[in-house]
């Protein structure tokens, strides 16, 4: 990581989003619902 050259330490991550079907009467207006599922660390100290 670029700490030695005076730059701030930086993590690299991947974000996982979940899309799930909406059931019931609401599905007429909103067929899908999104939610944050996970944040996975890809690069770190």
ModelCIF file with pLDDT and N, C-alpha, C, O atoms, coordinates in Angstrom:
data_MODEL
#
_entry.id   MODEL 
#
_entity.id                         1 
_entity.type                       polymer 
_entity.pdbx_number_of_molecules   1 
#
_entity_poly.entity_id                      1 
_entity_poly.type                           'polypeptide(L)' 
_entity_poly.nstd_linkage                   no 
_entity_poly.nstd_monomer                   no 
_entity_poly.pdbx_seq_one_letter_code       
;(UNK)(UNK)(UNK)(UNK)(UNK)(UNK)(UNK)(UNK)(UNK)(UNK)(UNK)(UNK)(UNK)(UNK)(UNK)(UNK)
(UNK)(UNK)(UNK)(UNK)(UNK)(UNK)(UNK)(UNK)(UNK)(UNK)(UNK)(UNK)(UNK)(UNK)(UNK)(UNK)
(UNK)(UNK)(UNK)(UNK)(UNK)(UNK)(UNK)(UNK)(UNK)(UNK)(UNK)(UNK)(UNK)
;
_entity_poly.pdbx_seq_one_letter_code_can   XXXXXXXXXXXXXXXXXXXXXXXXXXXXXXXXXXXXXXXXXXXXX 
_entity_poly.pdbx_strand_id                 A 
#
loop_
_entity_poly_seq.entity_id 
_entity_poly_seq.num 
_entity_poly_seq.mon_id 
_entity_poly_seq.hetero 
1 1  UNK n 
1 2  UNK n 
1 3  UNK n 
1 4  UNK n 
1 5  UNK n 
1 6  UNK n 
1 7  UNK n 
1 8  UNK n 
1 9  UNK n 
1 10 UNK n 
1 11 UNK n 
1 12 UNK n 
1 13 UNK n 
1 14 UNK n 
1 15 UNK n 
1 16 UNK n 
1 17 UNK n 
1 18 UNK n 
1 19 UNK n 
1 20 UNK n 
1 21 UNK n 
1 22 UNK n 
1 23 UNK n 
1 24 UNK n 
1 25 UNK n 
1 26 UNK n 
1 27 UNK n 
1 28 UNK n 
1 29 UNK n 
1 30 UNK n 
1 31 UNK n 
1 32 UNK n 
1 33 UNK n 
1 34 UNK n 
1 35 UNK n 
1 36 UNK n 
1 37 UNK n 
1 38 UNK n 
1 39 UNK n 
1 40 UNK n 
1 41 UNK n 
1 42 UNK n 
1 43 UNK n 
1 44 UNK n 
1 45 UNK n 
#
_struct_asym.id          A 
_struct_asym.entity_id   1 
#
loop_
_ma_qa_metric.id 
_ma_qa_metric.mode 
_ma_qa_metric.name 
_ma_qa_metric.software_group_id 
_ma_qa_metric.type 
1 global pLDDT . pLDDT 
2 local  pLDDT . pLDDT 
#
_ma_qa_metric_global.metric_id      1 
_ma_qa_metric_global.metric_value   85.64 
_ma_qa_metric_global.model_id       1 
_ma_qa_metric_global.ordinal_id     1 
#
loop_
_ma_qa_metric_local.label_asym_id 
_ma_qa_metric_local.label_comp_id 
_ma_qa_metric_local.label_seq_id 
_ma_qa_metric_local.metric_id 
_ma_qa_metric_local.metric_value 
_ma_qa_metric_local.model_id 
_ma_qa_metric_local.ordinal_id 
A UNK 1  2 43.00 1 1  
A UNK 2  2 43.00 1 2  
A UNK 3  2 45.00 1 3  
A UNK 4  2 46.00 1 4  
A UNK 5  2 51.00 1 5  
A UNK 6  2 65.00 1 6  
A UNK 7  2 78.00 1 7  
A UNK 8  2 84.00 1 8  
A UNK 9  2 92.00 1 9  
A UNK 10 2 94.00 1 10 
A UNK 11 2 97.00 1 11 
A UNK 12 2 97.00 1 12 
A UNK 13 2 98.00 1 13 
A UNK 14 2 97.00 1 14 
A UNK 15 2 98.00 1 15 
A UNK 16 2 97.00 1 16 
A UNK 17 2 97.00 1 17 
A UNK 18 2 96.00 1 18 
A UNK 19 2 95.00 1 19 
A UNK 20 2 94.00 1 20 
A UNK 21 2 91.00 1 21 
A UNK 22 2 90.00 1 22 
A UNK 23 2 83.00 1 23 
A UNK 24 2 81.00 1 24 
A UNK 25 2 83.00 1 25 
A UNK 26 2 78.00 1 26 
A UNK 27 2 74.00 1 27 
A UNK 28 2 77.00 1 28 
A UNK 29 2 81.00 1 29 
A UNK 30 2 83.00 1 30 
A UNK 31 2 86.00 1 31 
A UNK 32 2 90.00 1 32 
A UNK 33 2 93.00 1 33 
A UNK 34 2 96.00 1 34 
A UNK 35 2 96.00 1 35 
A UNK 36 2 98.00 1 36 
A UNK 37 2 96.00 1 37 
A UNK 38 2 97.00 1 38 
A UNK 39 2 98.00 1 39 
A UNK 40 2 97.00 1 40 
A UNK 41 2 98.00 1 41 
A UNK 42 2 97.00 1 42 
A UNK 43 2 96.00 1 43 
A UNK 44 2 96.00 1 44 
A UNK 45 2 92.00 1 45 
#
loop_
_atom_site.group_PDB 
_atom_site.id 
_atom_site.type_symbol 
_atom_site.label_atom_id 
_atom_site.label_alt_id 
_atom_site.label_comp_id 
_atom_site.label_asym_id 
_atom_site.label_entity_id 
_atom_site.label_seq_id 
_atom_site.pdbx_PDB_ins_code 
_atom_site.Cartn_x 
_atom_site.Cartn_y 
_atom_site.Cartn_z 
_atom_site.occupancy 
_atom_site.B_iso_or_equiv 
_atom_site.pdbx_formal_charge 
_atom_site.auth_seq_id 
_atom_site.auth_comp_id 
_atom_site.auth_asym_id 
_atom_site.auth_atom_id 
_atom_site.pdbx_PDB_model_num 
ATOM 1   N N  . UNK A 1 1  ? 0.847   -1.188  0.000   1.00 43.00 ? 1  UNK A N  1 
ATOM 2   C CA . UNK A 1 1  ? 0.000   0.000   0.000   1.00 43.00 ? 1  UNK A CA 1 
ATOM 3   C C  . UNK A 1 1  ? 0.879   1.234   0.000   1.00 43.00 ? 1  UNK A C  1 
ATOM 4   O O  . UNK A 1 1  ? 2.045   1.202   0.395   1.00 43.00 ? 1  UNK A O  1 
ATOM 5   N N  . UNK A 1 2  ? 0.287   2.309   -0.452  1.00 43.00 ? 2  UNK A N  1 
ATOM 6   C CA . UNK A 1 2  ? 1.043   3.530   -0.673  1.00 43.00 ? 2  UNK A CA 1 
ATOM 7   C C  . UNK A 1 2  ? 1.123   4.383   0.582   1.00 43.00 ? 2  UNK A C  1 
ATOM 8   O O  . UNK A 1 2  ? 0.839   5.581   0.538   1.00 43.00 ? 2  UNK A O  1 
ATOM 9   N N  . UNK A 1 3  ? 1.508   3.776   1.707   1.00 45.00 ? 3  UNK A N  1 
ATOM 10  C CA . UNK A 1 3  ? 1.631   4.528   2.942   1.00 45.00 ? 3  UNK A CA 1 
ATOM 11  C C  . UNK A 1 3  ? 2.990   5.209   3.017   1.00 45.00 ? 3  UNK A C  1 
ATOM 12  O O  . UNK A 1 3  ? 3.100   6.322   3.532   1.00 45.00 ? 3  UNK A O  1 
ATOM 13  N N  . UNK A 1 4  ? 4.017   4.553   2.510   1.00 46.00 ? 4  UNK A N  1 
ATOM 14  C CA . UNK A 1 4  ? 5.365   5.087   2.652   1.00 46.00 ? 4  UNK A CA 1 
ATOM 15  C C  . UNK A 1 4  ? 5.546   6.396   1.906   1.00 46.00 ? 4  UNK A C  1 
ATOM 16  O O  . UNK A 1 4  ? 6.319   7.250   2.340   1.00 46.00 ? 4  UNK A O  1 
ATOM 17  N N  . UNK A 1 5  ? 4.839   6.572   0.776   1.00 51.00 ? 5  UNK A N  1 
ATOM 18  C CA . UNK A 1 5  ? 5.036   7.789   0.005   1.00 51.00 ? 5  UNK A CA 1 
ATOM 19  C C  . UNK A 1 5  ? 4.097   8.910   0.423   1.00 51.00 ? 5  UNK A C  1 
ATOM 20  O O  . UNK A 1 5  ? 3.911   9.875   -0.318  1.00 51.00 ? 5  UNK A O  1 
ATOM 21  N N  . UNK A 1 6  ? 3.506   8.788   1.605   1.00 65.00 ? 6  UNK A N  1 
ATOM 22  C CA . UNK A 1 6  ? 2.679   9.849   2.147   1.00 65.00 ? 6  UNK A CA 1 
ATOM 23  C C  . UNK A 1 6  ? 1.220   9.775   1.747   1.00 65.00 ? 6  UNK A C  1 
ATOM 24  O O  . UNK A 1 6  ? 0.423   10.610  2.176   1.00 65.00 ? 6  UNK A O  1 
ATOM 25  N N  . UNK A 1 7  ? 0.851   8.795   0.936   1.00 78.00 ? 7  UNK A N  1 
ATOM 26  C CA . UNK A 1 7  ? -0.541  8.648   0.546   1.00 78.00 ? 7  UNK A CA 1 
ATOM 27  C C  . UNK A 1 7  ? -1.302  7.875   1.620   1.00 78.00 ? 7  UNK A C  1 
ATOM 28  O O  . UNK A 1 7  ? -0.709  7.052   2.316   1.00 78.00 ? 7  UNK A O  1 
ATOM 29  N N  . UNK A 1 8  ? -2.617  8.127   1.769   1.00 84.00 ? 8  UNK A N  1 
ATOM 30  C CA . UNK A 1 8  ? -3.380  7.402   2.786   1.00 84.00 ? 8  UNK A CA 1 
ATOM 31  C C  . UNK A 1 8  ? -3.499  5.925   2.440   1.00 84.00 ? 8  UNK A C  1 
ATOM 32  O O  . UNK A 1 8  ? -3.555  5.573   1.262   1.00 84.00 ? 8  UNK A O  1 
ATOM 33  N N  . UNK A 1 9  ? -3.540  5.058   3.442   1.00 92.00 ? 9  UNK A N  1 
ATOM 34  C CA . UNK A 1 9  ? -3.744  3.632   3.165   1.00 92.00 ? 9  UNK A CA 1 
ATOM 35  C C  . UNK A 1 9  ? -5.110  3.426   2.517   1.00 92.00 ? 9  UNK A C  1 
ATOM 36  O O  . UNK A 1 9  ? -6.083  4.082   2.889   1.00 92.00 ? 9  UNK A O  1 
ATOM 37  N N  . UNK A 1 10 ? -5.180  2.524   1.559   1.00 94.00 ? 10 UNK A N  1 
ATOM 38  C CA . UNK A 1 10 ? -6.406  2.311   0.803   1.00 94.00 ? 10 UNK A CA 1 
ATOM 39  C C  . UNK A 1 10 ? -6.726  0.827   0.721   1.00 94.00 ? 10 UNK A C  1 
ATOM 40  O O  . UNK A 1 10 ? -5.872  0.011   0.377   1.00 94.00 ? 10 UNK A O  1 
ATOM 41  N N  . UNK A 1 11 ? -7.954  0.496   1.039   1.00 97.00 ? 11 UNK A N  1 
ATOM 42  C CA . UNK A 1 11 ? -8.460  -0.850  0.854   1.00 97.00 ? 11 UNK A CA 1 
ATOM 43  C C  . UNK A 1 11 ? -9.174  -0.916  -0.488  1.00 97.00 ? 11 UNK A C  1 
ATOM 44  O O  . UNK A 1 11 ? -9.706  0.085   -0.968  1.00 97.00 ? 11 UNK A O  1 
ATOM 45  N N  . UNK A 1 12 ? -9.182  -2.096  -1.085  1.00 97.00 ? 12 UNK A N  1 
ATOM 46  C CA . UNK A 1 12 ? -9.967  -2.324  -2.284  1.00 97.00 ? 12 UNK A CA 1 
ATOM 47  C C  . UNK A 1 12 ? -11.013 -3.374  -1.946  1.00 97.00 ? 12 UNK A C  1 
ATOM 48  O O  . UNK A 1 12 ? -10.687 -4.450  -1.445  1.00 97.00 ? 12 UNK A O  1 
ATOM 49  N N  . UNK A 1 13 ? -12.272 -3.055  -2.224  1.00 98.00 ? 13 UNK A N  1 
ATOM 50  C CA . UNK A 1 13 ? -13.357 -3.949  -1.835  1.00 98.00 ? 13 UNK A CA 1 
ATOM 51  C C  . UNK A 1 13 ? -14.278 -4.227  -3.016  1.00 98.00 ? 13 UNK A C  1 
ATOM 52  O O  . UNK A 1 13 ? -14.275 -3.514  -4.020  1.00 98.00 ? 13 UNK A O  1 
ATOM 53  N N  . UNK A 1 14 ? -15.059 -5.280  -2.862  1.00 97.00 ? 14 UNK A N  1 
ATOM 54  C CA . UNK A 1 14 ? -16.130 -5.609  -3.792  1.00 97.00 ? 14 UNK A CA 1 
ATOM 55  C C  . UNK A 1 14 ? -17.449 -5.590  -3.037  1.00 97.00 ? 14 UNK A C  1 
ATOM 56  O O  . UNK A 1 14 ? -17.548 -6.116  -1.929  1.00 97.00 ? 14 UNK A O  1 
ATOM 57  N N  . UNK A 1 15 ? -18.443 -4.991  -3.634  1.00 98.00 ? 15 UNK A N  1 
ATOM 58  C CA . UNK A 1 15 ? -19.768 -4.894  -3.010  1.00 98.00 ? 15 UNK A CA 1 
ATOM 59  C C  . UNK A 1 15 ? -20.692 -5.907  -3.674  1.00 98.00 ? 15 UNK A C  1 
ATOM 60  O O  . UNK A 1 15 ? -20.736 -6.011  -4.899  1.00 98.00 ? 15 UNK A O  1 
ATOM 61  N N  . UNK A 1 16 ? -21.424 -6.648  -2.859  1.00 97.00 ? 16 UNK A N  1 
ATOM 62  C CA . UNK A 1 16 ? -22.394 -7.622  -3.353  1.00 97.00 ? 16 UNK A CA 1 
ATOM 63  C C  . UNK A 1 16 ? -23.795 -7.112  -3.026  1.00 97.00 ? 16 UNK A C  1 
ATOM 64  O O  . UNK A 1 16 ? -24.127 -6.873  -1.865  1.00 97.00 ? 16 UNK A O  1 
ATOM 65  N N  . UNK A 1 17 ? -24.606 -6.950  -4.065  1.00 97.00 ? 17 UNK A N  1 
ATOM 66  C CA . UNK A 1 17 ? -25.989 -6.519  -3.896  1.00 97.00 ? 17 UNK A CA 1 
ATOM 67  C C  . UNK A 1 17 ? -26.912 -7.700  -4.195  1.00 97.00 ? 17 UNK A C  1 
ATOM 68  O O  . UNK A 1 17 ? -26.636 -8.515  -5.075  1.00 97.00 ? 17 UNK A O  1 
ATOM 69  N N  . UNK A 1 18 ? -28.000 -7.775  -3.455  1.00 96.00 ? 18 UNK A N  1 
ATOM 70  C CA . UNK A 1 18 ? -28.969 -8.856  -3.633  1.00 96.00 ? 18 UNK A CA 1 
ATOM 71  C C  . UNK A 1 18 ? -30.261 -8.300  -4.243  1.00 96.00 ? 18 UNK A C  1 
ATOM 72  O O  . UNK A 1 18 ? -30.790 -7.283  -3.792  1.00 96.00 ? 18 UNK A O  1 
ATOM 73  N N  . UNK A 1 19 ? -30.752 -8.986  -5.270  1.00 95.00 ? 19 UNK A N  1 
ATOM 74  C CA . UNK A 1 19 ? -32.035 -8.627  -5.867  1.00 95.00 ? 19 UNK A CA 1 
ATOM 75  C C  . UNK A 1 19 ? -33.000 -9.779  -5.648  1.00 95.00 ? 19 UNK A C  1 
ATOM 76  O O  . UNK A 1 19 ? -32.716 -10.912 -6.037  1.00 95.00 ? 19 UNK A O  1 
ATOM 77  N N  . UNK A 1 20 ? -34.128 -9.500  -5.035  1.00 94.00 ? 20 UNK A N  1 
ATOM 78  C CA . UNK A 1 20 ? -35.091 -10.541 -4.708  1.00 94.00 ? 20 UNK A CA 1 
ATOM 79  C C  . UNK A 1 20 ? -36.474 -10.139 -5.206  1.00 94.00 ? 20 UNK A C  1 
ATOM 80  O O  . UNK A 1 20 ? -36.814 -8.956  -5.187  1.00 94.00 ? 20 UNK A O  1 
ATOM 81  N N  . UNK A 1 21 ? -37.264 -11.089 -5.643  1.00 91.00 ? 21 UNK A N  1 
ATOM 82  C CA . UNK A 1 21 ? -38.601 -10.753 -6.147  1.00 91.00 ? 21 UNK A CA 1 
ATOM 83  C C  . UNK A 1 21 ? -39.530 -10.313 -5.029  1.00 91.00 ? 21 UNK A C  1 
ATOM 84  O O  . UNK A 1 21 ? -39.463 -10.817 -3.908  1.00 91.00 ? 21 UNK A O  1 
ATOM 85  N N  . UNK A 1 22 ? -40.386 -9.376  -5.351  1.00 90.00 ? 22 UNK A N  1 
ATOM 86  C CA . UNK A 1 22 ? -41.399 -8.896  -4.415  1.00 90.00 ? 22 UNK A CA 1 
ATOM 87  C C  . UNK A 1 22 ? -42.664 -9.707  -4.634  1.00 90.00 ? 22 UNK A C  1 
ATOM 88  O O  . UNK A 1 22 ? -43.092 -9.909  -5.770  1.00 90.00 ? 22 UNK A O  1 
ATOM 89  N N  . UNK A 1 23 ? -43.250 -10.162 -3.564  1.00 83.00 ? 23 UNK A N  1 
ATOM 90  C CA . UNK A 1 23 ? -44.479 -10.960 -3.658  1.00 83.00 ? 23 UNK A CA 1 
ATOM 91  C C  . UNK A 1 23 ? -45.667 -10.140 -3.157  1.00 83.00 ? 23 UNK A C  1 
ATOM 92  O O  . UNK A 1 23 ? -45.498 -9.106  -2.511  1.00 83.00 ? 23 UNK A O  1 
ATOM 93  N N  . UNK A 1 24 ? -46.847 -10.613 -3.462  1.00 81.00 ? 24 UNK A N  1 
ATOM 94  C CA . UNK A 1 24 ? -48.050 -9.953  -2.996  1.00 81.00 ? 24 UNK A CA 1 
ATOM 95  C C  . UNK A 1 24 ? -48.457 -8.789  -3.884  1.00 81.00 ? 24 UNK A C  1 
ATOM 96  O O  . UNK A 1 24 ? -47.912 -8.613  -4.973  1.00 81.00 ? 24 UNK A O  1 
ATOM 97  N N  . UNK A 1 25 ? -49.416 -7.992  -3.420  1.00 83.00 ? 25 UNK A N  1 
ATOM 98  C CA . UNK A 1 25 ? -49.940 -6.886  -4.225  1.00 83.00 ? 25 UNK A CA 1 
ATOM 99  C C  . UNK A 1 25 ? -48.869 -5.870  -4.645  1.00 83.00 ? 25 UNK A C  1 
ATOM 100 O O  . UNK A 1 25 ? -48.992 -5.250  -5.702  1.00 83.00 ? 25 UNK A O  1 
ATOM 101 N N  . UNK A 1 26 ? -47.828 -5.694  -3.834  1.00 78.00 ? 26 UNK A N  1 
ATOM 102 C CA . UNK A 1 26 ? -46.789 -4.715  -4.157  1.00 78.00 ? 26 UNK A CA 1 
ATOM 103 C C  . UNK A 1 26 ? -46.053 -5.062  -5.435  1.00 78.00 ? 26 UNK A C  1 
ATOM 104 O O  . UNK A 1 26 ? -45.463 -4.183  -6.062  1.00 78.00 ? 26 UNK A O  1 
ATOM 105 N N  . UNK A 1 27 ? -46.074 -6.333  -5.838  1.00 74.00 ? 27 UNK A N  1 
ATOM 106 C CA . UNK A 1 27 ? -45.342 -6.753  -7.035  1.00 74.00 ? 27 UNK A CA 1 
ATOM 107 C C  . UNK A 1 27 ? -45.872 -6.074  -8.291  1.00 74.00 ? 27 UNK A C  1 
ATOM 108 O O  . UNK A 1 27 ? -45.165 -6.001  -9.297  1.00 74.00 ? 27 UNK A O  1 
ATOM 109 N N  . UNK A 1 28 ? -47.115 -5.573  -8.247  1.00 77.00 ? 28 UNK A N  1 
ATOM 110 C CA . UNK A 1 28 ? -47.658 -4.879  -9.415  1.00 77.00 ? 28 UNK A CA 1 
ATOM 111 C C  . UNK A 1 28 ? -46.889 -3.607  -9.707  1.00 77.00 ? 28 UNK A C  1 
ATOM 112 O O  . UNK A 1 28 ? -46.756 -3.218  -10.868 1.00 77.00 ? 28 UNK A O  1 
ATOM 113 N N  . UNK A 1 29 ? -46.377 -2.948  -8.671  1.00 81.00 ? 29 UNK A N  1 
ATOM 114 C CA . UNK A 1 29 ? -45.653 -1.683  -8.845  1.00 81.00 ? 29 UNK A CA 1 
ATOM 115 C C  . UNK A 1 29 ? -44.135 -1.849  -8.709  1.00 81.00 ? 29 UNK A C  1 
ATOM 116 O O  . UNK A 1 29 ? -43.363 -1.064  -9.261  1.00 81.00 ? 29 UNK A O  1 
ATOM 117 N N  . UNK A 1 30 ? -43.726 -2.867  -7.975  1.00 83.00 ? 30 UNK A N  1 
ATOM 118 C CA . UNK A 1 30 ? -42.287 -3.064  -7.746  1.00 83.00 ? 30 UNK A CA 1 
ATOM 119 C C  . UNK A 1 30 ? -41.973 -4.550  -7.817  1.00 83.00 ? 30 UNK A C  1 
ATOM 120 O O  . UNK A 1 30 ? -42.138 -5.255  -6.821  1.00 83.00 ? 30 UNK A O  1 
ATOM 121 N N  . UNK A 1 31 ? -41.527 -5.043  -8.963  1.00 86.00 ? 31 UNK A N  1 
ATOM 122 C CA . UNK A 1 31 ? -41.288 -6.490  -9.089  1.00 86.00 ? 31 UNK A CA 1 
ATOM 123 C C  . UNK A 1 31 ? -40.047 -6.969  -8.349  1.00 86.00 ? 31 UNK A C  1 
ATOM 124 O O  . UNK A 1 31 ? -39.960 -8.142  -7.987  1.00 86.00 ? 31 UNK A O  1 
ATOM 125 N N  . UNK A 1 32 ? -39.067 -6.061  -8.113  1.00 90.00 ? 32 UNK A N  1 
ATOM 126 C CA . UNK A 1 32 ? -37.818 -6.452  -7.476  1.00 90.00 ? 32 UNK A CA 1 
ATOM 127 C C  . UNK A 1 32 ? -37.517 -5.557  -6.287  1.00 90.00 ? 32 UNK A C  1 
ATOM 128 O O  . UNK A 1 32 ? -37.916 -4.394  -6.242  1.00 90.00 ? 32 UNK A O  1 
ATOM 129 N N  . UNK A 1 33 ? -36.806 -6.125  -5.331  1.00 93.00 ? 33 UNK A N  1 
ATOM 130 C CA . UNK A 1 33 ? -36.315 -5.360  -4.176  1.00 93.00 ? 33 UNK A CA 1 
ATOM 131 C C  . UNK A 1 33 ? -34.809 -5.565  -4.082  1.00 93.00 ? 33 UNK A C  1 
ATOM 132 O O  . UNK A 1 33 ? -34.322 -6.693  -4.164  1.00 93.00 ? 33 UNK A O  1 
ATOM 133 N N  . UNK A 1 34 ? -34.069 -4.463  -3.909  1.00 96.00 ? 34 UNK A N  1 
ATOM 134 C CA . UNK A 1 34 ? -32.609 -4.537  -3.797  1.00 96.00 ? 34 UNK A CA 1 
ATOM 135 C C  . UNK A 1 34 ? -32.184 -4.331  -2.347  1.00 96.00 ? 34 UNK A C  1 
ATOM 136 O O  . UNK A 1 34 ? -32.827 -3.603  -1.590  1.00 96.00 ? 34 UNK A O  1 
ATOM 137 N N  . UNK A 1 35 ? -31.088 -4.989  -1.977  1.00 96.00 ? 35 UNK A N  1 
ATOM 138 C CA . UNK A 1 35 ? -30.535 -4.838  -0.630  1.00 96.00 ? 35 UNK A CA 1 
ATOM 139 C C  . UNK A 1 35 ? -29.032 -5.082  -0.680  1.00 96.00 ? 35 UNK A C  1 
ATOM 140 O O  . UNK A 1 35 ? -28.538 -5.824  -1.528  1.00 96.00 ? 35 UNK A O  1 
ATOM 141 N N  . UNK A 1 36 ? -28.314 -4.449  0.240   1.00 98.00 ? 36 UNK A N  1 
ATOM 142 C CA . UNK A 1 36 ? -26.881 -4.707  0.377   1.00 98.00 ? 36 UNK A CA 1 
ATOM 143 C C  . UNK A 1 36 ? -26.695 -6.080  1.006   1.00 98.00 ? 36 UNK A C  1 
ATOM 144 O O  . UNK A 1 36 ? -27.257 -6.364  2.064   1.00 98.00 ? 36 UNK A O  1 
ATOM 145 N N  . UNK A 1 37 ? -25.899 -6.938  0.353   1.00 96.00 ? 37 UNK A N  1 
ATOM 146 C CA . UNK A 1 37 ? -25.675 -8.285  0.867   1.00 96.00 ? 37 UNK A CA 1 
ATOM 147 C C  . UNK A 1 37 ? -24.335 -8.429  1.575   1.00 96.00 ? 37 UNK A C  1 
ATOM 148 O O  . UNK A 1 37 ? -24.252 -9.084  2.614   1.00 96.00 ? 37 UNK A O  1 
ATOM 149 N N  . UNK A 1 38 ? -23.275 -7.820  1.020   1.00 97.00 ? 38 UNK A N  1 
ATOM 150 C CA . UNK A 1 38 ? -21.952 -8.033  1.607   1.00 97.00 ? 38 UNK A CA 1 
ATOM 151 C C  . UNK A 1 38 ? -20.968 -7.018  1.038   1.00 97.00 ? 38 UNK A C  1 
ATOM 152 O O  . UNK A 1 38 ? -21.175 -6.463  -0.041  1.00 97.00 ? 38 UNK A O  1 
ATOM 153 N N  . UNK A 1 39 ? -19.896 -6.790  1.787   1.00 98.00 ? 39 UNK A N  1 
ATOM 154 C CA . UNK A 1 39 ? -18.718 -6.075  1.307   1.00 98.00 ? 39 UNK A CA 1 
ATOM 155 C C  . UNK A 1 39 ? -17.533 -6.998  1.551   1.00 98.00 ? 39 UNK A C  1 
ATOM 156 O O  . UNK A 1 39 ? -17.254 -7.365  2.692   1.00 98.00 ? 39 UNK A O  1 
ATOM 157 N N  . UNK A 1 40 ? -16.838 -7.372  0.489   1.00 97.00 ? 40 UNK A N  1 
ATOM 158 C CA . UNK A 1 40 ? -15.726 -8.307  0.597   1.00 97.00 ? 40 UNK A CA 1 
ATOM 159 C C  . UNK A 1 40 ? -14.416 -7.579  0.315   1.00 97.00 ? 40 UNK A C  1 
ATOM 160 O O  . UNK A 1 40 ? -14.301 -6.826  -0.652  1.00 97.00 ? 40 UNK A O  1 
ATOM 161 N N  . UNK A 1 41 ? -13.435 -7.819  1.178   1.00 98.00 ? 41 UNK A N  1 
ATOM 162 C CA . UNK A 1 41 ? -12.133 -7.164  1.048   1.00 98.00 ? 41 UNK A CA 1 
ATOM 163 C C  . UNK A 1 41 ? -11.331 -7.882  -0.026  1.00 98.00 ? 41 UNK A C  1 
ATOM 164 O O  . UNK A 1 41 ? -11.116 -9.092  0.051   1.00 98.00 ? 41 UNK A O  1 
ATOM 165 N N  . UNK A 1 42 ? -10.891 -7.128  -1.029  1.00 97.00 ? 42 UNK A N  1 
ATOM 166 C CA . UNK A 1 42 ? -10.115 -7.704  -2.129  1.00 97.00 ? 42 UNK A CA 1 
ATOM 167 C C  . UNK A 1 42 ? -8.620  -7.464  -1.964  1.00 97.00 ? 42 UNK A C  1 
ATOM 168 O O  . UNK A 1 42 ? -7.809  -8.334  -2.279  1.00 97.00 ? 42 UNK A O  1 
ATOM 169 N N  . UNK A 1 43 ? -8.257  -6.283  -1.470  1.00 96.00 ? 43 UNK A N  1 
ATOM 170 C CA . UNK A 1 43 ? -6.856  -5.955  -1.206  1.00 96.00 ? 43 UNK A CA 1 
ATOM 171 C C  . UNK A 1 43 ? -6.796  -5.188  0.105   1.00 96.00 ? 43 UNK A C  1 
ATOM 172 O O  . UNK A 1 43 ? -7.616  -4.308  0.365   1.00 96.00 ? 43 UNK A O  1 
ATOM 173 N N  . UNK A 1 44 ? -5.807  -5.539  0.928   1.00 96.00 ? 44 UNK A N  1 
ATOM 174 C CA . UNK A 1 44 ? -5.696  -4.946  2.254   1.00 96.00 ? 44 UNK A CA 1 
ATOM 175 C C  . UNK A 1 44 ? -4.283  -5.131  2.766   1.00 96.00 ? 44 UNK A C  1 
ATOM 176 O O  . UNK A 1 44 ? -3.508  -5.880  2.170   1.00 96.00 ? 44 UNK A O  1 
ATOM 177 N N  . UNK A 1 45 ? -3.924  -4.462  3.868   1.00 92.00 ? 45 UNK A N  1 
ATOM 178 C CA . UNK A 1 45 ? -2.606  -4.671  4.472   1.00 92.00 ? 45 UNK A CA 1 
ATOM 179 C C  . UNK A 1 45 ? -2.426  -6.118  4.910   1.00 92.00 ? 45 UNK A C  1 
ATOM 180 O O  . UNK A 1 45 ? -1.375  -6.476  5.440   1.00 92.00 ? 45 UNK A O  1 
#
